Amino acid sequence: MAPLVLFLIIIGALLLAGVGIYNGLIALRNRCQNAWSQVDVQLKRRYDLIPNLIETVKGYAKHESSVFQNVTEARTKAMAAGTVKDQGQAETMLQGALKSLFAVAEAYPELKANQNFMMLQEELAGTEGKIAYARQFYNDTVMKFNQKQQVFPSNLIANMFGFKEREYFEITEAAAKEPVKVQF
């Protein structure tokens, strides 16, 4: 009778460990989804600021239509990105376009003194900081989730239940790794 009880205790302990690992993977997967939602909220906030920024700059620099068009196209592509990798590439493009927009604004001292422009600039700077924080939080959470799937014995449970690794939200070009300069 003792070997049967010992066998049942071992099986029970293994089942409890498996359930614990599975629940840990589910919790990390949910954290990844939540972290991406936070990134998405901040990106949407930036996307909402961009048209106002363009209109303000247009009032002073009407002849810079190619810059405005590039920013608008980059914003549209970023809003339509489907995967994390596509989002990273689109954000790189958008950051480059915004740098061009601010370079144009640099040439207009009266624009830099405009209250609306200064307010938008400040809001965008705050949003950029929030995006950076949200991106870091997302990538840290993805690292934990991916790592949990790679180490023994949780890799067995992850493979058994079809957990897939998440992509990091990365900036794709070295030049885009510089922050968007929004201060003059």
N, C-alpha and C. Protein backbone atom coordinates (compact mmCIF):
# COMPACT_ATOMS: atom_id res chain seq x y z
N MET A 1 0.80 -1.19 0.00
CA MET A 1 0.00 0.00 0.00
C MET A 1 0.85 1.27 0.00
N ALA A 2 1.97 1.27 0.70
CA ALA A 2 2.84 2.43 0.80
C ALA A 2 3.40 2.85 -0.57
N PRO A 3 3.82 1.90 -1.45
CA PRO A 3 4.32 2.32 -2.76
C PRO A 3 3.22 3.01 -3.59
N LEU A 4 1.99 2.54 -3.47
CA LEU A 4 0.88 3.16 -4.21
C LEU A 4 0.63 4.59 -3.73
N VAL A 5 0.65 4.80 -2.42
CA VAL A 5 0.45 6.12 -1.84
C VAL A 5 1.59 7.05 -2.28
N LEU A 6 2.81 6.56 -2.24
CA LEU A 6 3.97 7.35 -2.66
C LEU A 6 3.86 7.70 -4.15
N PHE A 7 3.43 6.76 -4.96
CA PHE A 7 3.23 7.00 -6.39
C PHE A 7 2.17 8.07 -6.62
N LEU A 8 1.06 7.99 -5.90
CA LEU A 8 0.00 8.97 -6.04
C LEU A 8 0.44 10.36 -5.57
N ILE A 9 1.24 10.41 -4.53
CA ILE A 9 1.77 11.69 -4.05
C ILE A 9 2.69 12.31 -5.10
N ILE A 10 3.53 11.51 -5.71
CA ILE A 10 4.45 12.01 -6.75
C ILE A 10 3.66 12.50 -7.96
N ILE A 11 2.67 11.72 -8.40
CA ILE A 11 1.83 12.13 -9.53
C ILE A 11 1.09 13.42 -9.19
N GLY A 12 0.54 13.51 -7.99
CA GLY A 12 -0.18 14.72 -7.55
C GLY A 12 0.75 15.93 -7.54
N ALA A 13 1.98 15.75 -7.04
CA ALA A 13 2.94 16.86 -7.00
C ALA A 13 3.31 17.31 -8.41
N LEU A 14 3.50 16.35 -9.33
CA LEU A 14 3.82 16.69 -10.71
C LEU A 14 2.66 17.44 -11.38
N LEU A 15 1.44 16.98 -11.12
CA LEU A 15 0.26 17.67 -11.67
C LEU A 15 0.14 19.09 -11.13
N LEU A 16 0.36 19.26 -9.83
CA LEU A 16 0.30 20.60 -9.24
C LEU A 16 1.39 21.50 -9.82
N ALA A 17 2.58 20.96 -10.00
CA ALA A 17 3.66 21.74 -10.60
C ALA A 17 3.31 22.13 -12.03
N GLY A 18 2.75 21.18 -12.79
CA GLY A 18 2.34 21.47 -14.16
C GLY A 18 1.27 22.55 -14.23
N VAL A 19 0.31 22.48 -13.33
CA VAL A 19 -0.76 23.50 -13.28
C VAL A 19 -0.15 24.86 -12.92
N GLY A 20 0.77 24.87 -11.98
CA GLY A 20 1.43 26.11 -11.59
C GLY A 20 2.21 26.73 -12.75
N ILE A 21 2.93 25.90 -13.49
CA ILE A 21 3.69 26.39 -14.65
C ILE A 21 2.73 26.91 -15.71
N TYR A 22 1.69 26.17 -15.99
CA TYR A 22 0.70 26.59 -16.99
C TYR A 22 0.08 27.93 -16.60
N ASN A 23 -0.34 28.05 -15.36
CA ASN A 23 -0.94 29.30 -14.89
C ASN A 23 0.06 30.46 -14.97
N GLY A 24 1.33 30.18 -14.69
CA GLY A 24 2.35 31.22 -14.81
C GLY A 24 2.52 31.67 -16.25
N LEU A 25 2.46 30.74 -17.19
CA LEU A 25 2.55 31.09 -18.61
C LEU A 25 1.34 31.92 -19.05
N ILE A 26 0.17 31.54 -18.58
CA ILE A 26 -1.05 32.30 -18.91
C ILE A 26 -0.94 33.72 -18.35
N ALA A 27 -0.48 33.84 -17.12
CA ALA A 27 -0.34 35.17 -16.51
C ALA A 27 0.64 36.03 -17.30
N LEU A 28 1.77 35.46 -17.71
CA LEU A 28 2.74 36.22 -18.49
C LEU A 28 2.20 36.58 -19.87
N ARG A 29 1.47 35.67 -20.49
CA ARG A 29 0.87 35.97 -21.79
C ARG A 29 -0.11 37.14 -21.67
N ASN A 30 -0.91 37.12 -20.60
CA ASN A 30 -1.85 38.21 -20.37
C ASN A 30 -1.13 39.52 -20.09
N ARG A 31 -0.02 39.46 -19.37
CA ARG A 31 0.76 40.68 -19.12
C ARG A 31 1.32 41.24 -20.41
N CYS A 32 1.75 40.35 -21.31
CA CYS A 32 2.25 40.80 -22.62
C CYS A 32 1.15 41.52 -23.39
N GLN A 33 -0.04 40.94 -23.39
CA GLN A 33 -1.16 41.58 -24.08
C GLN A 33 -1.50 42.93 -23.46
N ASN A 34 -1.49 43.00 -22.15
CA ASN A 34 -1.76 44.25 -21.46
C ASN A 34 -0.66 45.28 -21.74
N ALA A 35 0.58 44.85 -21.72
CA ALA A 35 1.69 45.76 -22.00
C ALA A 35 1.60 46.30 -23.42
N TRP A 36 1.23 45.44 -24.38
CA TRP A 36 1.08 45.92 -25.75
C TRP A 36 -0.07 46.91 -25.85
N SER A 37 -1.13 46.67 -25.10
CA SER A 37 -2.26 47.61 -25.09
C SER A 37 -1.81 48.98 -24.59
N GLN A 38 -0.93 49.00 -23.60
CA GLN A 38 -0.42 50.27 -23.09
C GLN A 38 0.44 50.99 -24.13
N VAL A 39 1.24 50.23 -24.87
CA VAL A 39 2.02 50.82 -25.97
C VAL A 39 1.06 51.40 -26.99
N ASP A 40 0.04 50.63 -27.33
CA ASP A 40 -0.93 51.04 -28.34
C ASP A 40 -1.65 52.34 -27.93
N VAL A 41 -2.00 52.46 -26.66
CA VAL A 41 -2.67 53.66 -26.17
C VAL A 41 -1.77 54.89 -26.36
N GLN A 42 -0.50 54.75 -26.03
CA GLN A 42 0.42 55.88 -26.16
C GLN A 42 0.68 56.22 -27.63
N LEU A 43 0.78 55.20 -28.46
CA LEU A 43 0.98 55.46 -29.89
C LEU A 43 -0.24 56.18 -30.47
N LYS A 44 -1.42 55.76 -30.08
CA LYS A 44 -2.64 56.43 -30.56
C LYS A 44 -2.66 57.89 -30.11
N ARG A 45 -2.22 58.12 -28.91
CA ARG A 45 -2.15 59.50 -28.40
C ARG A 45 -1.23 60.33 -29.29
N ARG A 46 -0.09 59.76 -29.68
CA ARG A 46 0.83 60.48 -30.57
C ARG A 46 0.17 60.69 -31.92
N TYR A 47 -0.47 59.65 -32.45
CA TYR A 47 -1.12 59.77 -33.76
C TYR A 47 -2.17 60.89 -33.74
N ASP A 48 -2.86 61.05 -32.62
CA ASP A 48 -3.87 62.09 -32.51
C ASP A 48 -3.26 63.49 -32.45
N LEU A 49 -2.05 63.60 -31.94
CA LEU A 49 -1.37 64.90 -31.85
C LEU A 49 -0.80 65.35 -33.20
N ILE A 50 -0.42 64.41 -34.02
CA ILE A 50 0.30 64.73 -35.26
C ILE A 50 -0.49 65.62 -36.21
N PRO A 51 -1.78 65.35 -36.49
CA PRO A 51 -2.50 66.25 -37.40
C PRO A 51 -2.54 67.70 -36.90
N ASN A 52 -2.71 67.89 -35.58
CA ASN A 52 -2.72 69.23 -35.02
C ASN A 52 -1.35 69.90 -35.19
N LEU A 53 -0.33 69.12 -35.00
CA LEU A 53 1.03 69.64 -35.17
C LEU A 53 1.27 70.05 -36.62
N ILE A 54 0.86 69.21 -37.54
CA ILE A 54 1.03 69.51 -38.97
C ILE A 54 0.29 70.79 -39.33
N GLU A 55 -0.95 70.92 -38.88
CA GLU A 55 -1.74 72.11 -39.20
C GLU A 55 -1.09 73.38 -38.64
N THR A 56 -0.54 73.27 -37.45
CA THR A 56 0.12 74.44 -36.85
C THR A 56 1.34 74.84 -37.65
N VAL A 57 2.15 73.87 -38.03
CA VAL A 57 3.36 74.16 -38.81
C VAL A 57 2.98 74.64 -40.21
N LYS A 58 1.94 74.08 -40.78
CA LYS A 58 1.49 74.49 -42.12
C LYS A 58 1.18 75.97 -42.19
N GLY A 59 0.65 76.50 -41.11
CA GLY A 59 0.31 77.92 -41.07
C GLY A 59 1.51 78.82 -41.27
N TYR A 60 2.69 78.32 -40.97
CA TYR A 60 3.91 79.12 -41.08
C TYR A 60 4.79 78.69 -42.25
N ALA A 61 4.67 77.44 -42.65
CA ALA A 61 5.57 76.88 -43.67
C ALA A 61 4.77 76.17 -44.75
N LYS A 62 3.93 76.88 -45.43
CA LYS A 62 3.02 76.29 -46.42
C LYS A 62 3.76 75.59 -47.56
N HIS A 63 4.93 76.07 -47.91
CA HIS A 63 5.66 75.53 -49.06
C HIS A 63 6.38 74.21 -48.75
N GLU A 64 6.28 73.70 -47.56
CA GLU A 64 6.95 72.45 -47.17
C GLU A 64 6.01 71.26 -47.30
N SER A 65 5.23 71.21 -48.38
CA SER A 65 4.19 70.19 -48.52
C SER A 65 4.73 68.77 -48.53
N SER A 66 5.93 68.54 -49.05
CA SER A 66 6.47 67.17 -49.08
C SER A 66 6.73 66.66 -47.66
N VAL A 67 7.16 67.52 -46.78
CA VAL A 67 7.39 67.12 -45.38
C VAL A 67 6.06 66.74 -44.73
N PHE A 68 5.03 67.56 -44.96
CA PHE A 68 3.71 67.26 -44.38
C PHE A 68 3.16 65.95 -44.93
N GLN A 69 3.36 65.74 -46.22
CA GLN A 69 2.88 64.52 -46.85
C GLN A 69 3.62 63.31 -46.27
N ASN A 70 4.93 63.41 -46.08
CA ASN A 70 5.70 62.30 -45.52
C ASN A 70 5.24 61.95 -44.11
N VAL A 71 4.99 62.98 -43.30
CA VAL A 71 4.52 62.73 -41.93
C VAL A 71 3.15 62.06 -41.95
N THR A 72 2.27 62.56 -42.81
CA THR A 72 0.92 62.00 -42.90
C THR A 72 0.97 60.55 -43.36
N GLU A 73 1.78 60.25 -44.37
CA GLU A 73 1.90 58.87 -44.86
C GLU A 73 2.49 57.96 -43.80
N ALA A 74 3.51 58.44 -43.11
CA ALA A 74 4.13 57.63 -42.06
C ALA A 74 3.15 57.36 -40.93
N ARG A 75 2.37 58.36 -40.57
CA ARG A 75 1.34 58.19 -39.53
C ARG A 75 0.31 57.16 -39.96
N THR A 76 -0.13 57.23 -41.21
CA THR A 76 -1.12 56.28 -41.72
C THR A 76 -0.57 54.86 -41.69
N LYS A 77 0.68 54.67 -42.11
CA LYS A 77 1.28 53.34 -42.09
C LYS A 77 1.43 52.83 -40.66
N ALA A 78 1.81 53.70 -39.75
CA ALA A 78 1.97 53.29 -38.36
C ALA A 78 0.63 52.87 -37.75
N MET A 79 -0.41 53.60 -38.09
CA MET A 79 -1.73 53.26 -37.56
C MET A 79 -2.26 51.95 -38.13
N ALA A 80 -1.80 51.58 -39.32
CA ALA A 80 -2.30 50.37 -39.98
C ALA A 80 -1.42 49.15 -39.72
N ALA A 81 -0.32 49.31 -39.02
CA ALA A 81 0.61 48.19 -38.80
C ALA A 81 -0.10 47.04 -38.07
N GLY A 82 0.16 45.83 -38.55
CA GLY A 82 -0.53 44.67 -37.98
C GLY A 82 0.25 43.92 -36.92
N THR A 83 1.53 43.71 -37.14
CA THR A 83 2.33 42.94 -36.20
C THR A 83 3.26 43.87 -35.42
N VAL A 84 3.84 43.34 -34.37
CA VAL A 84 4.78 44.12 -33.57
C VAL A 84 5.97 44.54 -34.43
N LYS A 85 6.46 43.64 -35.27
CA LYS A 85 7.58 43.96 -36.15
C LYS A 85 7.20 45.07 -37.13
N ASP A 86 6.03 44.95 -37.76
CA ASP A 86 5.55 45.99 -38.68
C ASP A 86 5.39 47.32 -37.94
N GLN A 87 4.90 47.27 -36.71
CA GLN A 87 4.72 48.49 -35.92
C GLN A 87 6.07 49.14 -35.66
N GLY A 88 7.08 48.34 -35.34
CA GLY A 88 8.42 48.89 -35.11
C GLY A 88 8.97 49.57 -36.34
N GLN A 89 8.80 48.94 -37.50
CA GLN A 89 9.28 49.55 -38.75
C GLN A 89 8.51 50.83 -39.06
N ALA A 90 7.21 50.81 -38.86
CA ALA A 90 6.39 51.99 -39.13
C ALA A 90 6.74 53.13 -38.18
N GLU A 91 7.00 52.80 -36.94
CA GLU A 91 7.37 53.83 -35.96
C GLU A 91 8.72 54.44 -36.31
N THR A 92 9.63 53.64 -36.82
CA THR A 92 10.92 54.16 -37.26
C THR A 92 10.72 55.19 -38.36
N MET A 93 9.86 54.86 -39.31
CA MET A 93 9.57 55.77 -40.40
C MET A 93 8.90 57.05 -39.89
N LEU A 94 7.97 56.90 -38.97
CA LEU A 94 7.26 58.05 -38.42
C LEU A 94 8.22 58.95 -37.64
N GLN A 95 9.11 58.37 -36.88
CA GLN A 95 10.06 59.18 -36.12
C GLN A 95 10.96 59.99 -37.06
N GLY A 96 11.38 59.38 -38.16
CA GLY A 96 12.18 60.10 -39.14
C GLY A 96 11.41 61.25 -39.76
N ALA A 97 10.14 61.01 -40.06
CA ALA A 97 9.30 62.06 -40.65
C ALA A 97 9.08 63.20 -39.65
N LEU A 98 8.87 62.85 -38.38
CA LEU A 98 8.69 63.89 -37.37
C LEU A 98 9.96 64.72 -37.19
N LYS A 99 11.11 64.08 -37.28
CA LYS A 99 12.38 64.82 -37.20
C LYS A 99 12.46 65.85 -38.33
N SER A 100 12.03 65.46 -39.52
CA SER A 100 12.01 66.39 -40.65
C SER A 100 11.06 67.55 -40.39
N LEU A 101 9.90 67.24 -39.81
CA LEU A 101 8.92 68.28 -39.50
C LEU A 101 9.50 69.28 -38.51
N PHE A 102 10.15 68.78 -37.48
CA PHE A 102 10.73 69.69 -36.49
C PHE A 102 11.93 70.45 -37.05
N ALA A 103 12.63 69.85 -38.00
CA ALA A 103 13.72 70.58 -38.66
C ALA A 103 13.15 71.76 -39.45
N VAL A 104 12.02 71.56 -40.11
CA VAL A 104 11.35 72.66 -40.82
C VAL A 104 10.92 73.73 -39.83
N ALA A 105 10.33 73.31 -38.72
CA ALA A 105 9.87 74.26 -37.72
C ALA A 105 11.02 75.09 -37.15
N GLU A 106 12.19 74.52 -37.11
CA GLU A 106 13.37 75.21 -36.58
C GLU A 106 13.66 76.49 -37.37
N ALA A 107 13.32 76.51 -38.64
CA ALA A 107 13.61 77.66 -39.50
C ALA A 107 12.62 78.80 -39.33
N TYR A 108 11.61 78.63 -38.50
CA TYR A 108 10.58 79.66 -38.34
C TYR A 108 10.48 80.10 -36.88
N PRO A 109 11.22 81.15 -36.51
CA PRO A 109 11.22 81.60 -35.11
C PRO A 109 9.82 81.98 -34.60
N GLU A 110 8.99 82.54 -35.47
CA GLU A 110 7.64 82.92 -35.03
C GLU A 110 6.80 81.69 -34.73
N LEU A 111 7.08 80.58 -35.41
CA LEU A 111 6.37 79.33 -35.14
C LEU A 111 6.79 78.79 -33.77
N LYS A 112 8.08 78.85 -33.51
CA LYS A 112 8.59 78.35 -32.22
C LYS A 112 8.00 79.13 -31.05
N ALA A 113 7.59 80.37 -31.29
CA ALA A 113 7.01 81.20 -30.24
C ALA A 113 5.49 81.03 -30.14
N ASN A 114 4.87 80.34 -31.09
CA ASN A 114 3.43 80.15 -31.12
C ASN A 114 2.99 79.28 -29.94
N GLN A 115 2.00 79.76 -29.17
CA GLN A 115 1.55 79.04 -27.97
C GLN A 115 1.00 77.65 -28.30
N ASN A 116 0.23 77.55 -29.37
CA ASN A 116 -0.34 76.27 -29.77
C ASN A 116 0.77 75.28 -30.10
N PHE A 117 1.76 75.74 -30.86
CA PHE A 117 2.88 74.88 -31.23
C PHE A 117 3.66 74.45 -29.99
N MET A 118 3.88 75.41 -29.08
CA MET A 118 4.62 75.07 -27.86
C MET A 118 3.87 74.04 -27.02
N MET A 119 2.54 74.18 -26.95
CA MET A 119 1.73 73.23 -26.20
C MET A 119 1.78 71.84 -26.85
N LEU A 120 1.64 71.80 -28.18
CA LEU A 120 1.71 70.51 -28.89
C LEU A 120 3.08 69.88 -28.73
N GLN A 121 4.11 70.70 -28.80
CA GLN A 121 5.48 70.23 -28.63
C GLN A 121 5.66 69.60 -27.25
N GLU A 122 5.13 70.26 -26.23
CA GLU A 122 5.24 69.74 -24.87
C GLU A 122 4.46 68.44 -24.72
N GLU A 123 3.25 68.40 -25.27
CA GLU A 123 2.45 67.17 -25.21
C GLU A 123 3.14 66.02 -25.93
N LEU A 124 3.71 66.32 -27.09
CA LEU A 124 4.40 65.28 -27.84
C LEU A 124 5.63 64.78 -27.09
N ALA A 125 6.36 65.70 -26.46
CA ALA A 125 7.53 65.29 -25.68
C ALA A 125 7.12 64.37 -24.54
N GLY A 126 6.02 64.71 -23.85
CA GLY A 126 5.53 63.85 -22.77
C GLY A 126 5.08 62.50 -23.29
N THR A 127 4.42 62.51 -24.44
CA THR A 127 3.95 61.27 -25.04
C THR A 127 5.13 60.39 -25.47
N GLU A 128 6.16 61.00 -26.02
CA GLU A 128 7.35 60.23 -26.41
C GLU A 128 7.96 59.52 -25.20
N GLY A 129 7.98 60.21 -24.07
CA GLY A 129 8.49 59.58 -22.85
C GLY A 129 7.62 58.41 -22.41
N LYS A 130 6.31 58.59 -22.52
CA LYS A 130 5.38 57.51 -22.15
C LYS A 130 5.50 56.34 -23.11
N ILE A 131 5.71 56.62 -24.39
CA ILE A 131 5.92 55.55 -25.37
C ILE A 131 7.18 54.77 -25.03
N ALA A 132 8.24 55.49 -24.71
CA ALA A 132 9.51 54.82 -24.37
C ALA A 132 9.33 53.92 -23.14
N TYR A 133 8.63 54.42 -22.13
CA TYR A 133 8.39 53.62 -20.94
C TYR A 133 7.53 52.40 -21.26
N ALA A 134 6.44 52.62 -22.02
CA ALA A 134 5.55 51.52 -22.38
C ALA A 134 6.28 50.47 -23.21
N ARG A 135 7.13 50.92 -24.13
CA ARG A 135 7.91 50.00 -24.96
C ARG A 135 8.86 49.18 -24.08
N GLN A 136 9.51 49.84 -23.14
CA GLN A 136 10.43 49.13 -22.25
C GLN A 136 9.68 48.11 -21.41
N PHE A 137 8.53 48.49 -20.86
CA PHE A 137 7.73 47.58 -20.06
C PHE A 137 7.27 46.39 -20.89
N TYR A 138 6.82 46.66 -22.11
CA TYR A 138 6.38 45.58 -23.00
C TYR A 138 7.55 44.63 -23.28
N ASN A 139 8.70 45.17 -23.66
CA ASN A 139 9.85 44.32 -23.99
C ASN A 139 10.33 43.53 -22.78
N ASP A 140 10.29 44.12 -21.58
CA ASP A 140 10.67 43.38 -20.37
C ASP A 140 9.70 42.23 -20.12
N THR A 141 8.42 42.48 -20.33
CA THR A 141 7.40 41.44 -20.12
C THR A 141 7.55 40.34 -21.15
N VAL A 142 7.82 40.71 -22.40
CA VAL A 142 8.04 39.71 -23.46
C VAL A 142 9.27 38.87 -23.13
N MET A 143 10.32 39.51 -22.62
CA MET A 143 11.53 38.75 -22.26
C MET A 143 11.20 37.70 -21.20
N LYS A 144 10.44 38.07 -20.18
CA LYS A 144 10.07 37.12 -19.13
C LYS A 144 9.22 35.99 -19.69
N PHE A 145 8.26 36.34 -20.54
CA PHE A 145 7.38 35.33 -21.13
C PHE A 145 8.19 34.37 -22.01
N ASN A 146 9.04 34.91 -22.88
CA ASN A 146 9.84 34.06 -23.76
C ASN A 146 10.82 33.21 -22.97
N GLN A 147 11.42 33.79 -21.94
CA GLN A 147 12.37 33.05 -21.12
C GLN A 147 11.68 31.90 -20.40
N LYS A 148 10.50 32.15 -19.90
CA LYS A 148 9.74 31.10 -19.20
C LYS A 148 9.46 29.93 -20.14
N GLN A 149 9.25 30.22 -21.42
CA GLN A 149 8.98 29.16 -22.39
C GLN A 149 10.23 28.39 -22.78
N GLN A 150 11.39 28.93 -22.50
CA GLN A 150 12.63 28.32 -22.94
C GLN A 150 13.32 27.48 -21.87
N VAL A 151 12.97 27.69 -20.60
CA VAL A 151 13.66 26.98 -19.52
C VAL A 151 12.88 25.73 -19.11
N PHE A 152 13.64 24.75 -18.66
CA PHE A 152 13.07 23.49 -18.21
C PHE A 152 12.53 23.67 -16.80
N PRO A 153 11.42 23.12 -16.46
CA PRO A 153 10.51 22.24 -17.16
C PRO A 153 9.35 22.99 -17.83
N SER A 154 9.32 24.33 -17.68
CA SER A 154 8.18 25.06 -18.24
C SER A 154 8.15 24.99 -19.76
N ASN A 155 9.31 24.74 -20.40
CA ASN A 155 9.30 24.59 -21.86
C ASN A 155 8.46 23.39 -22.29
N LEU A 156 8.40 22.36 -21.48
CA LEU A 156 7.58 21.18 -21.80
C LEU A 156 6.10 21.56 -21.81
N ILE A 157 5.69 22.29 -20.80
CA ILE A 157 4.28 22.71 -20.71
C ILE A 157 3.97 23.69 -21.85
N ALA A 158 4.88 24.64 -22.11
CA ALA A 158 4.66 25.63 -23.17
C ALA A 158 4.50 24.94 -24.52
N ASN A 159 5.35 23.99 -24.81
CA ASN A 159 5.25 23.25 -26.08
C ASN A 159 3.98 22.42 -26.14
N MET A 160 3.64 21.80 -25.04
CA MET A 160 2.46 20.94 -24.99
C MET A 160 1.18 21.74 -25.27
N PHE A 161 1.12 22.97 -24.78
CA PHE A 161 -0.09 23.77 -24.92
C PHE A 161 0.02 24.83 -26.02
N GLY A 162 1.07 24.77 -26.81
CA GLY A 162 1.19 25.63 -27.99
C GLY A 162 1.46 27.10 -27.72
N PHE A 163 2.13 27.43 -26.62
CA PHE A 163 2.49 28.81 -26.38
C PHE A 163 3.55 29.23 -27.40
N LYS A 164 3.43 30.43 -27.92
CA LYS A 164 4.37 30.95 -28.92
C LYS A 164 5.10 32.15 -28.34
N GLU A 165 6.37 32.27 -28.71
CA GLU A 165 7.14 33.43 -28.26
C GLU A 165 6.60 34.70 -28.88
N ARG A 166 6.74 35.79 -28.17
CA ARG A 166 6.31 37.11 -28.64
C ARG A 166 7.50 37.84 -29.25
N GLU A 167 7.19 38.78 -30.14
CA GLU A 167 8.22 39.62 -30.74
C GLU A 167 8.47 40.83 -29.85
N TYR A 168 9.73 41.27 -29.84
CA TYR A 168 10.06 42.52 -29.16
C TYR A 168 9.64 43.69 -30.03
N PHE A 169 9.33 44.80 -29.40
CA PHE A 169 9.00 46.03 -30.12
C PHE A 169 10.30 46.81 -30.25
N GLU A 170 10.91 46.67 -31.42
CA GLU A 170 12.24 47.25 -31.64
C GLU A 170 12.20 48.30 -32.73
N ILE A 171 13.07 49.27 -32.57
CA ILE A 171 13.29 50.25 -33.62
C ILE A 171 14.24 49.59 -34.61
N THR A 172 13.92 49.68 -35.90
CA THR A 172 14.63 48.88 -36.89
C THR A 172 15.87 49.52 -37.48
N GLU A 173 16.02 50.82 -37.40
CA GLU A 173 17.18 51.48 -37.98
C GLU A 173 18.00 52.13 -36.88
N ALA A 174 19.32 52.09 -37.03
CA ALA A 174 20.21 52.68 -36.04
C ALA A 174 19.96 54.18 -35.88
N ALA A 175 19.70 54.88 -36.97
CA ALA A 175 19.48 56.32 -36.90
C ALA A 175 18.21 56.65 -36.12
N ALA A 176 17.25 55.75 -36.14
CA ALA A 176 15.98 56.01 -35.47
C ALA A 176 16.07 55.74 -33.98
N LYS A 177 17.18 55.22 -33.51
CA LYS A 177 17.30 54.94 -32.09
C LYS A 177 17.52 56.21 -31.27
N GLU A 178 17.76 57.32 -31.96
CA GLU A 178 17.85 58.59 -31.26
C GLU A 178 16.43 59.05 -30.97
N PRO A 179 16.21 59.70 -29.82
CA PRO A 179 14.85 60.16 -29.53
C PRO A 179 14.44 61.26 -30.48
N VAL A 180 13.14 61.38 -30.70
CA VAL A 180 12.62 62.47 -31.52
C VAL A 180 12.90 63.77 -30.77
N LYS A 181 13.55 64.71 -31.44
CA LYS A 181 13.87 65.97 -30.79
C LYS A 181 12.67 66.90 -30.95
N VAL A 182 12.07 67.25 -29.83
CA VAL A 182 10.90 68.11 -29.88
C VAL A 182 11.13 69.41 -29.13
N GLN A 183 12.35 69.69 -28.77
CA GLN A 183 12.62 70.93 -28.08
C GLN A 183 13.58 71.76 -28.89
N PHE A 184 13.43 73.06 -28.80
CA PHE A 184 14.23 73.97 -29.61
C PHE A 184 15.17 74.77 -28.76
